[in-house]
């Protein structure tokens, strides 16, 4: 998994929560759509790559988010 993505997500959830591919963004991390937008902004800032939020439609787990980000980065 993309470590920069994990770091960005961890800023918006309770400390000590283990983030795995199966972790649910809403039920496990307690993220809102606004939290996800902010986390992706942090990710974009740390990597210098812009991710179109449309690529994240339907994403519910960290693994799905990681795959969507990887697809977006590979398409660049």
N, C-alpha and C. Protein backbone atom coordinates (compact mmCIF):
# COMPACT_ATOMS: atom_id res chain seq x y z
N UNK A 1 0.84 -1.18 0.00
CA UNK A 1 0.00 0.00 0.00
C UNK A 1 0.88 1.24 0.00
N UNK A 2 0.33 2.29 -0.56
CA UNK A 2 1.05 3.55 -0.66
C UNK A 2 1.19 4.17 0.73
N UNK A 3 2.42 4.27 1.22
CA UNK A 3 2.66 4.77 2.58
C UNK A 3 2.24 6.23 2.74
N UNK A 4 2.42 7.04 1.70
CA UNK A 4 2.00 8.43 1.78
C UNK A 4 0.48 8.54 1.91
N UNK A 5 -0.24 7.64 1.27
CA UNK A 5 -1.69 7.60 1.39
C UNK A 5 -2.10 7.23 2.81
N UNK A 6 -1.45 6.23 3.38
CA UNK A 6 -1.74 5.81 4.75
C UNK A 6 -1.48 6.95 5.73
N UNK A 7 -0.38 7.66 5.54
CA UNK A 7 -0.06 8.80 6.40
C UNK A 7 -1.12 9.89 6.28
N UNK A 8 -1.57 10.15 5.07
CA UNK A 8 -2.60 11.17 4.86
C UNK A 8 -3.90 10.77 5.55
N UNK A 9 -4.29 9.50 5.44
CA UNK A 9 -5.52 9.02 6.08
C UNK A 9 -5.41 9.06 7.59
N UNK A 10 -4.23 8.71 8.12
CA UNK A 10 -4.07 8.63 9.57
C UNK A 10 -4.24 9.98 10.25
N UNK A 11 -4.07 11.06 9.51
CA UNK A 11 -4.27 12.40 10.08
C UNK A 11 -5.75 12.67 10.37
N UNK A 12 -6.65 11.88 9.84
CA UNK A 12 -8.09 12.13 9.97
C UNK A 12 -8.83 11.03 10.71
N UNK A 13 -8.09 10.21 11.44
CA UNK A 13 -8.74 9.17 12.25
C UNK A 13 -8.06 9.13 13.62
N UNK A 14 -8.66 8.37 14.54
CA UNK A 14 -8.11 8.27 15.88
C UNK A 14 -6.72 7.63 15.84
N UNK A 15 -5.80 8.15 16.66
CA UNK A 15 -4.46 7.55 16.72
C UNK A 15 -4.53 6.09 17.17
N UNK A 16 -3.66 5.30 16.65
CA UNK A 16 -3.59 3.90 17.06
C UNK A 16 -4.47 2.96 16.27
N UNK A 17 -5.30 3.48 15.39
CA UNK A 17 -6.13 2.61 14.56
C UNK A 17 -5.24 1.97 13.49
N UNK A 18 -5.29 0.66 13.40
CA UNK A 18 -4.52 -0.05 12.38
C UNK A 18 -5.23 0.09 11.04
N UNK A 19 -4.50 0.56 10.06
CA UNK A 19 -5.07 0.74 8.73
C UNK A 19 -4.56 -0.38 7.83
N UNK A 20 -5.51 -1.19 7.34
CA UNK A 20 -5.19 -2.29 6.43
C UNK A 20 -6.00 -2.10 5.15
N UNK A 21 -5.78 -2.96 4.18
CA UNK A 21 -6.52 -2.89 2.92
C UNK A 21 -8.03 -3.06 3.15
N UNK A 22 -8.40 -3.82 4.17
CA UNK A 22 -9.81 -4.10 4.45
C UNK A 22 -10.49 -3.03 5.30
N UNK A 23 -9.73 -2.09 5.82
CA UNK A 23 -10.28 -1.05 6.69
C UNK A 23 -11.30 -0.22 5.93
N UNK A 24 -12.49 -0.10 6.52
CA UNK A 24 -13.57 0.71 5.93
C UNK A 24 -13.33 2.17 6.27
N UNK A 25 -13.41 3.04 5.27
CA UNK A 25 -13.16 4.46 5.49
C UNK A 25 -14.17 5.08 6.44
N UNK A 26 -15.43 4.72 6.31
CA UNK A 26 -16.47 5.34 7.14
C UNK A 26 -16.64 4.62 8.47
N UNK A 27 -16.94 3.33 8.44
CA UNK A 27 -17.27 2.62 9.68
C UNK A 27 -16.05 2.36 10.57
N UNK A 28 -14.89 2.10 9.99
CA UNK A 28 -13.70 1.82 10.80
C UNK A 28 -12.91 3.08 11.15
N UNK A 29 -12.73 3.97 10.17
CA UNK A 29 -11.94 5.17 10.41
C UNK A 29 -12.80 6.36 10.83
N UNK A 30 -14.11 6.26 10.61
CA UNK A 30 -14.99 7.35 10.98
C UNK A 30 -14.85 8.57 10.09
N UNK A 31 -14.38 8.36 8.87
CA UNK A 31 -14.16 9.48 7.95
C UNK A 31 -15.47 9.94 7.33
N UNK A 32 -15.55 11.23 7.08
CA UNK A 32 -16.64 11.80 6.30
C UNK A 32 -16.11 12.06 4.89
N UNK A 33 -16.98 12.41 3.98
CA UNK A 33 -16.52 12.73 2.63
C UNK A 33 -15.59 13.93 2.67
N UNK A 34 -15.85 14.87 3.56
CA UNK A 34 -14.96 16.03 3.71
C UNK A 34 -13.59 15.60 4.20
N UNK A 35 -13.53 14.66 5.17
CA UNK A 35 -12.25 14.14 5.65
C UNK A 35 -11.47 13.51 4.50
N UNK A 36 -12.16 12.75 3.65
CA UNK A 36 -11.50 12.09 2.53
C UNK A 36 -10.93 13.13 1.56
N UNK A 37 -11.69 14.17 1.30
CA UNK A 37 -11.21 15.24 0.41
C UNK A 37 -9.96 15.90 1.01
N UNK A 38 -10.00 16.16 2.32
CA UNK A 38 -8.84 16.77 2.97
C UNK A 38 -7.63 15.82 2.94
N UNK A 39 -7.87 14.55 3.22
CA UNK A 39 -6.77 13.57 3.21
C UNK A 39 -6.17 13.46 1.82
N UNK A 40 -7.02 13.48 0.79
CA UNK A 40 -6.49 13.41 -0.57
C UNK A 40 -5.73 14.69 -0.92
N UNK A 41 -6.17 15.82 -0.41
CA UNK A 41 -5.41 17.06 -0.59
C UNK A 41 -4.04 16.97 0.04
N UNK A 42 -3.97 16.38 1.24
CA UNK A 42 -2.68 16.17 1.89
C UNK A 42 -1.80 15.24 1.07
N UNK A 43 -2.42 14.17 0.55
CA UNK A 43 -1.68 13.22 -0.28
C UNK A 43 -1.13 13.91 -1.53
N UNK A 44 -1.98 14.70 -2.18
CA UNK A 44 -1.55 15.41 -3.39
C UNK A 44 -0.40 16.36 -3.08
N UNK A 45 -0.50 17.03 -1.96
CA UNK A 45 0.56 17.97 -1.57
C UNK A 45 1.87 17.25 -1.31
N UNK A 46 1.80 16.09 -0.66
CA UNK A 46 3.02 15.36 -0.32
C UNK A 46 3.66 14.68 -1.53
N UNK A 47 2.84 14.35 -2.54
CA UNK A 47 3.38 13.64 -3.70
C UNK A 47 3.58 14.54 -4.92
N UNK A 48 2.90 15.68 -4.94
CA UNK A 48 2.97 16.54 -6.11
C UNK A 48 2.11 16.08 -7.27
N UNK A 49 1.24 15.09 -7.02
CA UNK A 49 0.34 14.56 -8.04
C UNK A 49 -1.10 14.92 -7.70
N UNK A 50 -1.87 15.27 -8.71
CA UNK A 50 -3.28 15.60 -8.52
C UNK A 50 -4.13 14.37 -8.85
N UNK A 51 -5.07 14.07 -7.96
CA UNK A 51 -5.97 12.94 -8.15
C UNK A 51 -7.37 13.50 -8.37
N UNK A 52 -7.99 13.15 -9.48
CA UNK A 52 -9.36 13.58 -9.77
C UNK A 52 -10.30 12.82 -8.84
N UNK A 53 -11.08 13.54 -8.06
CA UNK A 53 -11.98 12.91 -7.08
C UNK A 53 -13.00 12.00 -7.74
N UNK A 54 -13.29 12.20 -9.02
CA UNK A 54 -14.21 11.31 -9.73
C UNK A 54 -13.67 9.89 -9.78
N UNK A 55 -12.34 9.75 -9.72
CA UNK A 55 -11.72 8.42 -9.72
C UNK A 55 -12.01 7.65 -8.43
N UNK A 56 -12.50 8.36 -7.41
CA UNK A 56 -12.71 7.74 -6.11
C UNK A 56 -14.18 7.39 -5.84
N UNK A 57 -15.02 7.59 -6.83
CA UNK A 57 -16.45 7.29 -6.67
C UNK A 57 -16.64 5.82 -6.31
N UNK A 58 -17.43 5.55 -5.30
CA UNK A 58 -17.74 4.19 -4.89
C UNK A 58 -16.71 3.52 -4.01
N UNK A 59 -15.63 4.20 -3.71
CA UNK A 59 -14.57 3.64 -2.87
C UNK A 59 -15.06 3.58 -1.42
N UNK A 60 -14.94 2.41 -0.79
CA UNK A 60 -15.36 2.27 0.60
C UNK A 60 -14.26 1.76 1.52
N UNK A 61 -13.24 1.11 0.97
CA UNK A 61 -12.16 0.58 1.80
C UNK A 61 -10.83 1.24 1.44
N UNK A 62 -9.88 1.10 2.34
CA UNK A 62 -8.55 1.64 2.08
C UNK A 62 -7.92 0.94 0.88
N UNK A 63 -8.14 -0.35 0.74
CA UNK A 63 -7.60 -1.09 -0.41
C UNK A 63 -8.15 -0.58 -1.72
N UNK A 64 -9.46 -0.30 -1.76
CA UNK A 64 -10.06 0.26 -2.97
C UNK A 64 -9.51 1.65 -3.25
N UNK A 65 -9.31 2.44 -2.20
CA UNK A 65 -8.75 3.78 -2.37
C UNK A 65 -7.33 3.69 -2.90
N UNK A 66 -6.54 2.79 -2.33
CA UNK A 66 -5.16 2.59 -2.78
C UNK A 66 -5.13 2.19 -4.25
N UNK A 67 -6.01 1.29 -4.66
CA UNK A 67 -6.06 0.85 -6.06
C UNK A 67 -6.48 1.99 -6.98
N UNK A 68 -7.46 2.79 -6.55
CA UNK A 68 -7.92 3.92 -7.36
C UNK A 68 -6.82 4.96 -7.52
N UNK A 69 -6.09 5.21 -6.45
CA UNK A 69 -4.98 6.16 -6.52
C UNK A 69 -3.88 5.63 -7.42
N UNK A 70 -3.57 4.35 -7.32
CA UNK A 70 -2.55 3.73 -8.17
C UNK A 70 -2.93 3.84 -9.64
N UNK A 71 -4.21 3.56 -9.96
CA UNK A 71 -4.68 3.68 -11.35
C UNK A 71 -4.54 5.12 -11.84
N UNK A 72 -4.91 6.07 -11.00
CA UNK A 72 -4.82 7.49 -11.38
C UNK A 72 -3.37 7.91 -11.60
N UNK A 73 -2.48 7.45 -10.74
CA UNK A 73 -1.06 7.80 -10.89
C UNK A 73 -0.45 7.13 -12.13
N UNK A 74 -0.86 5.90 -12.40
CA UNK A 74 -0.34 5.20 -13.58
C UNK A 74 -0.85 5.80 -14.88
N UNK A 75 -2.01 6.45 -14.83
CA UNK A 75 -2.58 7.06 -16.03
C UNK A 75 -1.91 8.39 -16.39
N UNK A 76 -1.09 8.90 -15.49
CA UNK A 76 -0.42 10.19 -15.73
C UNK A 76 0.74 10.06 -16.67
